[in-house]
Amino acid sequence: MNWFLKLFATKEKEQSDPMKKFLIVGLGNIGAEYVNTRHNIGFKILDFFAKKESLSFQTAKLGDVAEFKIKGRTLIFLKPNTYMNLSGKAVKYWMDKENISKENILVITDDLNLSFGSIRIKPRGSDGGHNGLKNIQLLLNTVDYPRYRFGISDAFKKGKQVDYVLGEWTDEEKNTLIERLEISSQIITSFALAGLNETMNQFNGK
């Protein structure tokens, strides 16, 4: 095959290949009382990205959904409306509906084991006691899916974990949050365009 035919075959293949799809899942609880709580950082990050890019979430089956296209990629943003403990139901449904592989999902969640604002992106891992991740792991039957853990710290007194997680950000945290939300938006874009490994190298510990 001469160079022209090779080029034509390559171009034809590129045109016939479907767009790469990614499912970006922000974990949280629905309801006005949860909007500004630490446990809802997943929702907050997706809302920040959506506002920045003028995206609109639409209520669909098992969640609120928005779509963002960039450089041949389609990003589907999902905020499950199942409440945290049943997040896996929404994730599994939208993965199957959109035919998205587990390597192309990114689950964004809060993490008590990391200091406030810390970034930890990993290709797999345990649920770490997080009920949302626990349900996702159960329904996907695997721990091998990318996740972005956002540190909320463990600055609570003994027996007050639930109150802390479902509590609102302090004024000091709010002042830092905007910068962290901006970085989180960059992480989402990098995950889709540069891939997981490059994103981990660039943002972990930032």
N, C-alpha and C. Protein backbone atom coordinates (compact mmCIF):
# COMPACT_ATOMS: atom_id res chain seq x y z
N MET A 1 0.86 -1.20 0.00
CA MET A 1 0.00 0.00 0.00
C MET A 1 0.89 1.24 0.00
N ASN A 2 0.69 2.14 -1.00
CA ASN A 2 1.52 3.34 -1.05
C ASN A 2 1.11 4.34 0.04
N TRP A 3 1.89 5.39 0.18
CA TRP A 3 1.68 6.33 1.29
C TRP A 3 0.30 6.98 1.22
N PHE A 4 -0.18 7.26 -0.03
CA PHE A 4 -1.48 7.93 -0.18
C PHE A 4 -2.61 7.03 0.31
N LEU A 5 -2.55 5.74 -0.06
CA LEU A 5 -3.60 4.81 0.36
C LEU A 5 -3.56 4.60 1.87
N LYS A 6 -2.35 4.57 2.43
CA LYS A 6 -2.21 4.44 3.88
C LYS A 6 -2.85 5.63 4.58
N LEU A 7 -2.57 6.83 4.05
CA LEU A 7 -3.13 8.05 4.63
C LEU A 7 -4.65 8.03 4.53
N PHE A 8 -5.16 7.63 3.37
CA PHE A 8 -6.61 7.58 3.17
C PHE A 8 -7.26 6.59 4.14
N ALA A 9 -6.62 5.41 4.29
CA ALA A 9 -7.16 4.38 5.18
C ALA A 9 -7.17 4.87 6.63
N THR A 10 -6.12 5.61 7.01
CA THR A 10 -6.04 6.15 8.36
C THR A 10 -7.14 7.17 8.59
N LYS A 11 -7.31 8.07 7.61
CA LYS A 11 -8.33 9.12 7.73
C LYS A 11 -9.73 8.50 7.80
N GLU A 12 -9.95 7.47 6.96
CA GLU A 12 -11.24 6.81 6.93
C GLU A 12 -11.55 6.16 8.29
N LYS A 13 -10.51 5.54 8.88
CA LYS A 13 -10.69 4.89 10.18
C LYS A 13 -11.00 5.93 11.24
N GLU A 14 -10.28 7.05 11.20
CA GLU A 14 -10.50 8.11 12.19
C GLU A 14 -11.95 8.62 12.10
N GLN A 15 -12.45 8.77 10.85
CA GLN A 15 -13.79 9.30 10.67
C GLN A 15 -14.86 8.30 11.10
N SER A 16 -14.56 7.00 10.97
CA SER A 16 -15.55 5.99 11.31
C SER A 16 -15.56 5.66 12.80
N ASP A 17 -14.47 5.99 13.49
CA ASP A 17 -14.41 5.72 14.92
C ASP A 17 -15.39 6.61 15.67
N PRO A 18 -16.14 6.08 16.63
CA PRO A 18 -17.05 6.91 17.41
C PRO A 18 -16.27 7.84 18.32
N MET A 19 -16.93 8.90 18.74
CA MET A 19 -16.30 9.80 19.70
C MET A 19 -15.98 9.06 20.99
N LYS A 20 -14.91 9.41 21.60
CA LYS A 20 -14.62 8.84 22.91
C LYS A 20 -15.56 9.45 23.93
N LYS A 21 -16.15 8.58 24.73
CA LYS A 21 -17.08 9.06 25.75
C LYS A 21 -16.52 8.83 27.14
N PHE A 22 -16.80 9.79 28.02
CA PHE A 22 -16.36 9.72 29.40
C PHE A 22 -17.55 10.03 30.31
N LEU A 23 -17.63 9.31 31.41
CA LEU A 23 -18.67 9.56 32.40
C LEU A 23 -18.01 10.17 33.64
N ILE A 24 -18.34 11.42 33.91
CA ILE A 24 -17.78 12.13 35.05
C ILE A 24 -18.86 12.20 36.13
N VAL A 25 -18.63 11.49 37.22
CA VAL A 25 -19.66 11.34 38.25
C VAL A 25 -19.27 12.14 39.50
N GLY A 26 -20.13 13.05 39.90
CA GLY A 26 -19.94 13.77 41.16
C GLY A 26 -20.88 13.17 42.19
N LEU A 27 -20.35 12.71 43.30
CA LEU A 27 -21.20 12.10 44.33
C LEU A 27 -21.72 13.15 45.30
N GLY A 28 -22.95 12.93 45.74
CA GLY A 28 -23.57 13.85 46.69
C GLY A 28 -24.97 13.40 47.02
N ASN A 29 -25.67 14.20 47.80
CA ASN A 29 -27.06 13.94 48.15
C ASN A 29 -27.94 15.04 47.59
N ILE A 30 -29.13 14.67 47.11
CA ILE A 30 -30.05 15.67 46.58
C ILE A 30 -30.78 16.36 47.73
N GLY A 31 -31.24 17.58 47.47
CA GLY A 31 -31.97 18.33 48.48
C GLY A 31 -31.23 19.58 48.89
N ALA A 32 -31.98 20.66 49.10
CA ALA A 32 -31.39 21.96 49.44
C ALA A 32 -30.54 21.91 50.70
N GLU A 33 -30.92 21.05 51.64
CA GLU A 33 -30.19 20.99 52.92
C GLU A 33 -28.78 20.43 52.77
N TYR A 34 -28.49 19.80 51.61
CA TYR A 34 -27.17 19.19 51.42
C TYR A 34 -26.26 20.00 50.50
N VAL A 35 -26.79 21.02 49.87
CA VAL A 35 -26.07 21.72 48.80
C VAL A 35 -24.66 22.15 49.19
N ASN A 36 -24.50 22.77 50.35
CA ASN A 36 -23.19 23.31 50.74
C ASN A 36 -22.46 22.46 51.78
N THR A 37 -22.81 21.18 51.83
CA THR A 37 -22.16 20.29 52.79
C THR A 37 -20.89 19.68 52.21
N ARG A 38 -20.01 19.25 53.09
CA ARG A 38 -18.74 18.65 52.67
C ARG A 38 -18.98 17.38 51.83
N HIS A 39 -19.98 16.62 52.20
CA HIS A 39 -20.26 15.35 51.52
C HIS A 39 -20.66 15.57 50.07
N ASN A 40 -21.06 16.80 49.73
CA ASN A 40 -21.55 17.10 48.37
C ASN A 40 -20.50 17.73 47.48
N ILE A 41 -19.23 17.56 47.80
CA ILE A 41 -18.19 18.19 47.00
C ILE A 41 -18.22 17.70 45.54
N GLY A 42 -18.64 16.46 45.32
CA GLY A 42 -18.75 15.95 43.95
C GLY A 42 -19.74 16.75 43.13
N PHE A 43 -20.91 17.01 43.71
CA PHE A 43 -21.91 17.85 43.04
C PHE A 43 -21.35 19.25 42.80
N LYS A 44 -20.69 19.78 43.82
CA LYS A 44 -20.19 21.17 43.76
C LYS A 44 -19.18 21.34 42.63
N ILE A 45 -18.31 20.35 42.47
CA ILE A 45 -17.29 20.43 41.41
C ILE A 45 -17.95 20.40 40.03
N LEU A 46 -18.93 19.53 39.84
CA LEU A 46 -19.62 19.47 38.55
C LEU A 46 -20.42 20.74 38.28
N ASP A 47 -21.04 21.29 39.32
CA ASP A 47 -21.79 22.54 39.16
C ASP A 47 -20.86 23.68 38.78
N PHE A 48 -19.69 23.71 39.37
CA PHE A 48 -18.71 24.75 39.06
C PHE A 48 -18.28 24.66 37.59
N PHE A 49 -17.97 23.44 37.15
CA PHE A 49 -17.56 23.23 35.76
C PHE A 49 -18.69 23.64 34.81
N ALA A 50 -19.90 23.22 35.14
CA ALA A 50 -21.05 23.51 34.29
C ALA A 50 -21.28 25.02 34.16
N LYS A 51 -21.17 25.72 35.26
CA LYS A 51 -21.36 27.18 35.23
C LYS A 51 -20.29 27.84 34.38
N LYS A 52 -19.06 27.38 34.52
CA LYS A 52 -17.94 27.94 33.78
C LYS A 52 -18.10 27.74 32.27
N GLU A 53 -18.66 26.60 31.88
CA GLU A 53 -18.80 26.27 30.47
C GLU A 53 -20.23 26.48 29.95
N SER A 54 -21.07 27.11 30.76
CA SER A 54 -22.47 27.40 30.39
C SER A 54 -23.24 26.13 30.01
N LEU A 55 -23.06 25.09 30.81
CA LEU A 55 -23.78 23.84 30.60
C LEU A 55 -25.03 23.83 31.48
N SER A 56 -26.04 23.10 31.03
CA SER A 56 -27.27 22.97 31.82
C SER A 56 -27.51 21.51 32.16
N PHE A 57 -27.77 21.23 33.42
CA PHE A 57 -28.12 19.88 33.84
C PHE A 57 -29.60 19.66 33.59
N GLN A 58 -29.92 18.47 33.09
CA GLN A 58 -31.31 18.06 32.87
C GLN A 58 -31.60 16.85 33.74
N THR A 59 -32.75 16.84 34.35
CA THR A 59 -33.13 15.68 35.15
C THR A 59 -33.48 14.52 34.24
N ALA A 60 -32.81 13.40 34.43
CA ALA A 60 -33.02 12.21 33.62
C ALA A 60 -33.14 11.01 34.56
N LYS A 61 -33.09 9.82 34.02
CA LYS A 61 -33.25 8.64 34.85
C LYS A 61 -32.09 8.51 35.84
N LEU A 62 -32.39 8.46 37.11
CA LEU A 62 -31.45 8.22 38.20
C LEU A 62 -30.44 9.36 38.43
N GLY A 63 -30.67 10.52 37.80
CA GLY A 63 -29.74 11.61 38.07
C GLY A 63 -29.95 12.83 37.20
N ASP A 64 -29.20 13.87 37.50
CA ASP A 64 -29.14 15.07 36.66
C ASP A 64 -27.93 14.94 35.76
N VAL A 65 -28.13 15.23 34.47
CA VAL A 65 -27.10 14.95 33.47
C VAL A 65 -26.84 16.17 32.60
N ALA A 66 -25.56 16.39 32.27
CA ALA A 66 -25.17 17.43 31.32
C ALA A 66 -24.11 16.85 30.39
N GLU A 67 -23.98 17.46 29.22
CA GLU A 67 -23.02 16.95 28.24
C GLU A 67 -22.07 18.06 27.81
N PHE A 68 -20.79 17.69 27.67
CA PHE A 68 -19.77 18.67 27.27
C PHE A 68 -18.88 18.01 26.23
N LYS A 69 -18.67 18.69 25.11
CA LYS A 69 -17.82 18.14 24.05
C LYS A 69 -16.56 18.98 23.92
N ILE A 70 -15.43 18.27 23.80
CA ILE A 70 -14.16 18.97 23.66
C ILE A 70 -13.19 18.08 22.87
N LYS A 71 -12.69 18.61 21.77
CA LYS A 71 -11.66 17.95 20.96
C LYS A 71 -11.96 16.48 20.67
N GLY A 72 -13.16 16.22 20.17
CA GLY A 72 -13.52 14.86 19.78
C GLY A 72 -13.95 13.96 20.92
N ARG A 73 -13.99 14.50 22.12
CA ARG A 73 -14.45 13.73 23.27
C ARG A 73 -15.82 14.24 23.73
N THR A 74 -16.62 13.32 24.23
CA THR A 74 -17.89 13.69 24.84
C THR A 74 -17.84 13.34 26.31
N LEU A 75 -18.04 14.34 27.15
CA LEU A 75 -18.06 14.13 28.59
C LEU A 75 -19.51 14.21 29.07
N ILE A 76 -19.95 13.15 29.71
CA ILE A 76 -21.28 13.12 30.29
C ILE A 76 -21.14 13.30 31.80
N PHE A 77 -21.69 14.38 32.30
CA PHE A 77 -21.63 14.68 33.73
C PHE A 77 -22.87 14.12 34.41
N LEU A 78 -22.66 13.41 35.50
CA LEU A 78 -23.76 12.77 36.21
C LEU A 78 -23.75 13.11 37.69
N LYS A 79 -24.88 13.64 38.17
CA LYS A 79 -25.10 13.83 39.60
C LYS A 79 -26.25 12.89 40.00
N PRO A 80 -25.92 11.73 40.57
CA PRO A 80 -26.97 10.76 40.90
C PRO A 80 -28.01 11.37 41.84
N ASN A 81 -29.28 11.02 41.60
CA ASN A 81 -30.34 11.50 42.50
C ASN A 81 -30.86 10.37 43.39
N THR A 82 -30.01 9.36 43.55
CA THR A 82 -30.38 8.16 44.32
C THR A 82 -30.03 8.28 45.80
N TYR A 83 -29.44 9.40 46.19
CA TYR A 83 -28.78 9.57 47.48
C TYR A 83 -27.49 8.76 47.48
N MET A 84 -26.57 9.16 48.34
CA MET A 84 -25.20 8.65 48.32
C MET A 84 -25.12 7.13 48.35
N ASN A 85 -25.91 6.51 49.24
CA ASN A 85 -25.76 5.07 49.48
C ASN A 85 -26.14 4.20 48.29
N LEU A 86 -26.83 4.77 47.29
CA LEU A 86 -27.22 3.99 46.12
C LEU A 86 -26.62 4.58 44.83
N SER A 87 -25.49 5.25 44.97
CA SER A 87 -24.85 5.91 43.81
C SER A 87 -24.53 4.93 42.69
N GLY A 88 -24.18 3.71 43.05
CA GLY A 88 -23.79 2.72 42.04
C GLY A 88 -24.89 2.42 41.05
N LYS A 89 -26.13 2.52 41.48
CA LYS A 89 -27.26 2.25 40.60
C LYS A 89 -27.26 3.22 39.42
N ALA A 90 -27.04 4.49 39.70
CA ALA A 90 -27.00 5.51 38.64
C ALA A 90 -25.76 5.35 37.77
N VAL A 91 -24.62 5.10 38.39
CA VAL A 91 -23.38 4.93 37.63
C VAL A 91 -23.49 3.77 36.66
N LYS A 92 -23.97 2.64 37.14
CA LYS A 92 -24.11 1.44 36.29
C LYS A 92 -25.08 1.69 35.15
N TYR A 93 -26.20 2.34 35.44
CA TYR A 93 -27.19 2.60 34.40
C TYR A 93 -26.60 3.45 33.27
N TRP A 94 -25.91 4.55 33.63
CA TRP A 94 -25.40 5.46 32.60
C TRP A 94 -24.18 4.89 31.88
N MET A 95 -23.39 4.07 32.56
CA MET A 95 -22.30 3.38 31.86
C MET A 95 -22.86 2.47 30.78
N ASP A 96 -23.90 1.71 31.14
CA ASP A 96 -24.51 0.78 30.17
C ASP A 96 -25.23 1.53 29.06
N LYS A 97 -25.97 2.57 29.43
CA LYS A 97 -26.75 3.32 28.44
C LYS A 97 -25.85 3.96 27.39
N GLU A 98 -24.73 4.52 27.83
CA GLU A 98 -23.84 5.25 26.92
C GLU A 98 -22.67 4.40 26.44
N ASN A 99 -22.65 3.13 26.85
CA ASN A 99 -21.59 2.20 26.44
C ASN A 99 -20.20 2.76 26.79
N ILE A 100 -20.04 3.13 28.04
CA ILE A 100 -18.78 3.71 28.52
C ILE A 100 -18.06 2.68 29.38
N SER A 101 -16.79 2.45 29.09
CA SER A 101 -16.01 1.47 29.84
C SER A 101 -15.62 2.03 31.19
N LYS A 102 -15.29 1.15 32.13
CA LYS A 102 -14.94 1.60 33.47
C LYS A 102 -13.67 2.45 33.48
N GLU A 103 -12.80 2.26 32.49
CA GLU A 103 -11.58 3.07 32.41
C GLU A 103 -11.89 4.53 32.08
N ASN A 104 -13.08 4.76 31.52
CA ASN A 104 -13.46 6.11 31.10
C ASN A 104 -14.46 6.77 32.03
N ILE A 105 -14.56 6.25 33.26
CA ILE A 105 -15.37 6.96 34.25
C ILE A 105 -14.44 7.58 35.29
N LEU A 106 -14.85 8.70 35.82
CA LEU A 106 -14.13 9.35 36.91
C LEU A 106 -15.14 9.70 37.98
N VAL A 107 -14.97 9.08 39.14
CA VAL A 107 -15.88 9.31 40.26
C VAL A 107 -15.25 10.31 41.22
N ILE A 108 -15.95 11.40 41.49
CA ILE A 108 -15.43 12.47 42.35
C ILE A 108 -16.14 12.41 43.70
N THR A 109 -15.35 12.31 44.76
CA THR A 109 -15.94 12.12 46.08
C THR A 109 -15.12 12.81 47.16
N ASP A 110 -15.74 13.00 48.33
CA ASP A 110 -15.05 13.56 49.48
C ASP A 110 -14.23 12.47 50.18
N ASP A 111 -13.21 12.88 50.92
CA ASP A 111 -12.37 11.92 51.63
C ASP A 111 -11.93 12.50 52.97
N LEU A 112 -12.37 11.84 54.03
CA LEU A 112 -12.02 12.26 55.40
C LEU A 112 -10.55 12.04 55.73
N ASN A 113 -9.91 11.13 55.01
CA ASN A 113 -8.53 10.76 55.33
C ASN A 113 -7.50 11.69 54.72
N LEU A 114 -7.95 12.69 53.98
CA LEU A 114 -7.04 13.65 53.36
C LEU A 114 -7.28 15.04 53.93
N SER A 115 -6.24 15.81 54.06
CA SER A 115 -6.39 17.17 54.57
C SER A 115 -7.23 17.99 53.60
N PHE A 116 -7.85 19.04 54.11
CA PHE A 116 -8.77 19.83 53.30
C PHE A 116 -8.14 20.30 51.99
N GLY A 117 -8.83 20.05 50.90
CA GLY A 117 -8.39 20.50 49.59
C GLY A 117 -7.36 19.62 48.92
N SER A 118 -6.89 18.57 49.62
CA SER A 118 -5.90 17.68 49.03
C SER A 118 -6.51 16.91 47.86
N ILE A 119 -5.65 16.59 46.89
CA ILE A 119 -6.08 15.91 45.68
C ILE A 119 -5.45 14.53 45.63
N ARG A 120 -6.28 13.52 45.43
CA ARG A 120 -5.77 12.16 45.28
C ARG A 120 -6.53 11.48 44.14
N ILE A 121 -5.86 11.30 43.01
CA ILE A 121 -6.46 10.65 41.85
C ILE A 121 -5.83 9.27 41.72
N LYS A 122 -6.67 8.25 41.61
CA LYS A 122 -6.16 6.88 41.56
C LYS A 122 -6.94 6.06 40.53
N PRO A 123 -6.31 5.02 39.97
CA PRO A 123 -7.00 4.17 38.99
C PRO A 123 -7.88 3.11 39.62
N ARG A 124 -7.70 2.89 40.92
CA ARG A 124 -8.45 1.84 41.64
C ARG A 124 -8.27 2.06 43.12
N GLY A 125 -8.94 1.24 43.93
CA GLY A 125 -8.75 1.34 45.38
C GLY A 125 -9.98 0.87 46.13
N SER A 126 -9.83 0.77 47.44
CA SER A 126 -10.95 0.35 48.27
C SER A 126 -11.95 1.49 48.42
N ASP A 127 -13.09 1.19 49.03
CA ASP A 127 -14.08 2.24 49.24
C ASP A 127 -13.71 3.17 50.39
N GLY A 128 -12.74 2.76 51.22
CA GLY A 128 -12.28 3.61 52.32
C GLY A 128 -13.37 3.97 53.31
N GLY A 129 -14.41 3.13 53.37
CA GLY A 129 -15.51 3.41 54.28
C GLY A 129 -16.54 4.38 53.73
N HIS A 130 -16.37 4.78 52.48
CA HIS A 130 -17.29 5.74 51.86
C HIS A 130 -18.48 4.97 51.26
N ASN A 131 -19.69 5.29 51.69
CA ASN A 131 -20.86 4.53 51.27
C ASN A 131 -21.16 4.63 49.78
N GLY A 132 -20.86 5.78 49.18
CA GLY A 132 -21.07 5.94 47.75
C GLY A 132 -20.16 5.03 46.95
N LEU A 133 -18.87 5.04 47.30
CA LEU A 133 -17.91 4.17 46.62
C LEU A 133 -18.22 2.71 46.88
N LYS A 134 -18.68 2.41 48.08
CA LYS A 134 -19.02 1.04 48.45
C LYS A 134 -20.11 0.49 47.53
N ASN A 135 -21.13 1.30 47.25
CA ASN A 135 -22.23 0.86 46.40
C ASN A 135 -21.80 0.75 44.94
N ILE A 136 -20.95 1.67 44.50
CA ILE A 136 -20.43 1.61 43.13
C ILE A 136 -19.62 0.33 42.94
N GLN A 137 -18.77 0.04 43.91
CA GLN A 137 -17.96 -1.17 43.87
C GLN A 137 -18.85 -2.42 43.81
N LEU A 138 -19.91 -2.41 44.58
CA LEU A 138 -20.82 -3.55 44.63
C LEU A 138 -21.50 -3.79 43.28
N LEU A 139 -22.02 -2.72 42.68
CA LEU A 139 -22.79 -2.88 41.44
C LEU A 139 -21.92 -3.05 40.21
N LEU A 140 -20.70 -2.48 40.23
CA LEU A 140 -19.78 -2.69 39.10
C LEU A 140 -18.98 -3.97 39.27
N ASN A 141 -19.02 -4.51 40.50
CA ASN A 141 -18.29 -5.74 40.83
C ASN A 141 -16.79 -5.59 40.58
N THR A 142 -16.27 -4.42 40.90
CA THR A 142 -14.84 -4.18 40.73
C THR A 142 -14.42 -2.95 41.53
N VAL A 143 -13.14 -2.89 41.88
CA VAL A 143 -12.58 -1.68 42.49
C VAL A 143 -11.71 -0.95 41.47
N ASP A 144 -11.68 -1.49 40.25
CA ASP A 144 -10.83 -0.93 39.20
C ASP A 144 -11.56 0.11 38.36
N TYR A 145 -11.72 1.27 38.93
CA TYR A 145 -12.27 2.39 38.17
C TYR A 145 -11.65 3.67 38.73
N PRO A 146 -11.34 4.65 37.88
CA PRO A 146 -10.69 5.88 38.33
C PRO A 146 -11.56 6.68 39.29
N ARG A 147 -10.91 7.23 40.30
CA ARG A 147 -11.63 8.09 41.24
C ARG A 147 -10.76 9.27 41.65
N TYR A 148 -11.42 10.37 41.92
CA TYR A 148 -10.76 11.60 42.39
C TYR A 148 -11.30 11.89 43.78
N ARG A 149 -10.43 11.72 44.77
CA ARG A 149 -10.81 11.97 46.16
C ARG A 149 -10.40 13.38 46.55
N PHE A 150 -11.35 14.14 47.03
CA PHE A 150 -11.12 15.52 47.44
C PHE A 150 -11.09 15.54 48.97
N GLY A 151 -9.98 15.96 49.54
CA GLY A 151 -9.83 15.95 50.99
C GLY A 151 -10.73 16.94 51.70
N ILE A 152 -11.44 16.44 52.74
CA ILE A 152 -12.26 17.35 53.56
C ILE A 152 -11.75 17.36 55.01
N SER A 153 -10.68 16.61 55.28
CA SER A 153 -10.02 16.49 56.58
C SER A 153 -10.89 15.75 57.59
N ASP A 154 -10.32 15.48 58.74
CA ASP A 154 -11.06 14.76 59.79
C ASP A 154 -11.10 15.58 61.09
N ALA A 155 -11.36 16.87 60.91
CA ALA A 155 -11.34 17.80 62.05
C ALA A 155 -12.66 17.78 62.81
N PHE A 156 -13.01 16.60 63.32
CA PHE A 156 -14.24 16.50 64.11
C PHE A 156 -13.96 15.73 65.39
N LYS A 157 -14.80 15.96 66.38
CA LYS A 157 -14.65 15.27 67.65
C LYS A 157 -15.21 13.86 67.56
N LYS A 158 -14.77 13.01 68.44
CA LYS A 158 -15.21 11.62 68.46
C LYS A 158 -16.75 11.55 68.51
N GLY A 159 -17.29 10.69 67.62
CA GLY A 159 -18.73 10.52 67.57
C GLY A 159 -19.46 11.57 66.74
N LYS A 160 -18.71 12.50 66.15
CA LYS A 160 -19.33 13.60 65.40
C LYS A 160 -19.05 13.51 63.89
N GLN A 161 -18.66 12.35 63.42
CA GLN A 161 -18.30 12.22 62.01
C GLN A 161 -19.45 12.56 61.07
N VAL A 162 -20.62 12.03 61.35
CA VAL A 162 -21.78 12.28 60.47
C VAL A 162 -22.12 13.76 60.45
N ASP A 163 -22.13 14.40 61.62
CA ASP A 163 -22.42 15.83 61.69
C ASP A 163 -21.40 16.64 60.89
N TYR A 164 -20.15 16.20 60.96
CA TYR A 164 -19.08 16.92 60.27
C TYR A 164 -19.22 16.77 58.75
N VAL A 165 -19.39 15.54 58.29
CA VAL A 165 -19.49 15.27 56.86
C VAL A 165 -20.71 15.97 56.25
N LEU A 166 -21.80 15.97 57.00
CA LEU A 166 -23.02 16.62 56.50
C LEU A 166 -23.12 18.08 56.94
N GLY A 167 -22.04 18.59 57.51
CA GLY A 167 -21.99 19.99 57.90
C GLY A 167 -21.50 20.86 56.75
N GLU A 168 -21.68 22.17 56.89
CA GLU A 168 -21.28 23.10 55.83
C GLU A 168 -19.84 23.56 56.02
N TRP A 169 -19.25 24.05 54.95
CA TRP A 169 -17.87 24.52 54.97
C TRP A 169 -17.71 25.70 55.92
N THR A 170 -16.57 25.79 56.56
CA THR A 170 -16.28 26.96 57.39
C THR A 170 -15.95 28.14 56.47
N ASP A 171 -15.94 29.33 57.01
CA ASP A 171 -15.60 30.52 56.21
C ASP A 171 -14.18 30.40 55.66
N GLU A 172 -13.27 29.86 56.45
CA GLU A 172 -11.89 29.69 56.00
C GLU A 172 -11.82 28.72 54.83
N GLU A 173 -12.57 27.63 54.92
CA GLU A 173 -12.59 26.65 53.84
C GLU A 173 -13.19 27.26 52.57
N LYS A 174 -14.24 28.03 52.74
CA LYS A 174 -14.89 28.66 51.58
C LYS A 174 -13.92 29.55 50.81
N ASN A 175 -13.03 30.23 51.53
CA ASN A 175 -12.07 31.13 50.90
C ASN A 175 -11.09 30.37 50.00
N THR A 176 -10.79 29.13 50.37
CA THR A 176 -9.84 28.32 49.60
C THR A 176 -10.54 27.51 48.53
N LEU A 177 -11.81 27.29 48.70
CA LEU A 177 -12.56 26.37 47.85
C LEU A 177 -12.58 26.77 46.38
N ILE A 178 -12.69 28.06 46.09
CA ILE A 178 -12.77 28.51 44.70
C ILE A 178 -11.55 28.05 43.90
N GLU A 179 -10.38 28.23 44.49
CA GLU A 179 -9.15 27.81 43.81
C GLU A 179 -9.15 26.30 43.59
N ARG A 180 -9.62 25.55 44.59
CA ARG A 180 -9.66 24.08 44.49
C ARG A 180 -10.68 23.63 43.44
N LEU A 181 -11.77 24.36 43.33
CA LEU A 181 -12.77 24.04 42.32
C LEU A 181 -12.23 24.28 40.91
N GLU A 182 -11.46 25.32 40.76
CA GLU A 182 -10.84 25.63 39.46
C GLU A 182 -9.88 24.51 39.07
N ILE A 183 -9.05 24.08 40.02
CA ILE A 183 -8.13 22.97 39.75
C ILE A 183 -8.90 21.70 39.43
N SER A 184 -10.00 21.49 40.13
CA SER A 184 -10.82 20.30 39.88
C SER A 184 -11.36 20.29 38.45
N SER A 185 -11.72 21.46 37.94
CA SER A 185 -12.18 21.56 36.55
C SER A 185 -11.06 21.18 35.59
N GLN A 186 -9.85 21.60 35.90
CA GLN A 186 -8.70 21.26 35.07
C GLN A 186 -8.44 19.76 35.09
N ILE A 187 -8.66 19.14 36.24
CA ILE A 187 -8.48 17.69 36.37
C ILE A 187 -9.44 16.94 35.46
N ILE A 188 -10.68 17.37 35.43
CA ILE A 188 -11.69 16.72 34.58
C ILE A 188 -11.28 16.81 33.11
N THR A 189 -10.89 17.99 32.67
CA THR A 189 -10.48 18.18 31.28
C THR A 189 -9.25 17.36 30.95
N SER A 190 -8.28 17.35 31.86
CA SER A 190 -7.06 16.59 31.65
C SER A 190 -7.34 15.10 31.57
N PHE A 191 -8.24 14.60 32.40
CA PHE A 191 -8.59 13.18 32.39
C PHE A 191 -9.09 12.76 31.01
N ALA A 192 -9.93 13.59 30.40
CA ALA A 192 -10.49 13.27 29.09
C ALA A 192 -9.48 13.45 27.96
N LEU A 193 -8.64 14.46 28.04
CA LEU A 193 -7.74 14.78 26.93
C LEU A 193 -6.36 14.14 27.05
N ALA A 194 -5.83 14.10 28.27
CA ALA A 194 -4.46 13.61 28.46
C ALA A 194 -4.40 12.20 29.03
N GLY A 195 -5.49 11.75 29.63
CA GLY A 195 -5.50 10.41 30.21
C GLY A 195 -5.24 10.41 31.70
N LEU A 196 -5.50 9.27 32.30
CA LEU A 196 -5.41 9.14 33.75
C LEU A 196 -3.99 9.30 34.28
N ASN A 197 -3.03 8.62 33.66
CA ASN A 197 -1.66 8.65 34.19
C ASN A 197 -1.08 10.06 34.18
N GLU A 198 -1.27 10.76 33.06
CA GLU A 198 -0.76 12.12 32.96
C GLU A 198 -1.46 13.03 33.97
N THR A 199 -2.74 12.82 34.17
CA THR A 199 -3.50 13.62 35.12
C THR A 199 -3.02 13.38 36.55
N MET A 200 -2.76 12.12 36.88
CA MET A 200 -2.22 11.81 38.21
C MET A 200 -0.86 12.47 38.41
N ASN A 201 0.00 12.38 37.40
CA ASN A 201 1.33 12.97 37.50
C ASN A 201 1.28 14.48 37.68
N GLN A 202 0.34 15.11 37.00
CA GLN A 202 0.27 16.57 37.02
C GLN A 202 -0.40 17.12 38.29
N PHE A 203 -1.41 16.41 38.81
CA PHE A 203 -2.25 17.02 39.84
C PHE A 203 -2.15 16.40 41.24
N ASN A 204 -1.75 15.14 41.35
CA ASN A 204 -1.67 14.57 42.68
C ASN A 204 -0.67 15.33 43.55
N GLY A 205 -1.09 15.73 44.70
CA GLY A 205 -0.24 16.48 45.61
C GLY A 205 -0.18 17.97 45.34
N LYS A 206 -0.94 18.41 44.34
CA LYS A 206 -0.90 19.83 43.96
C LYS A 206 -1.66 20.68 44.97
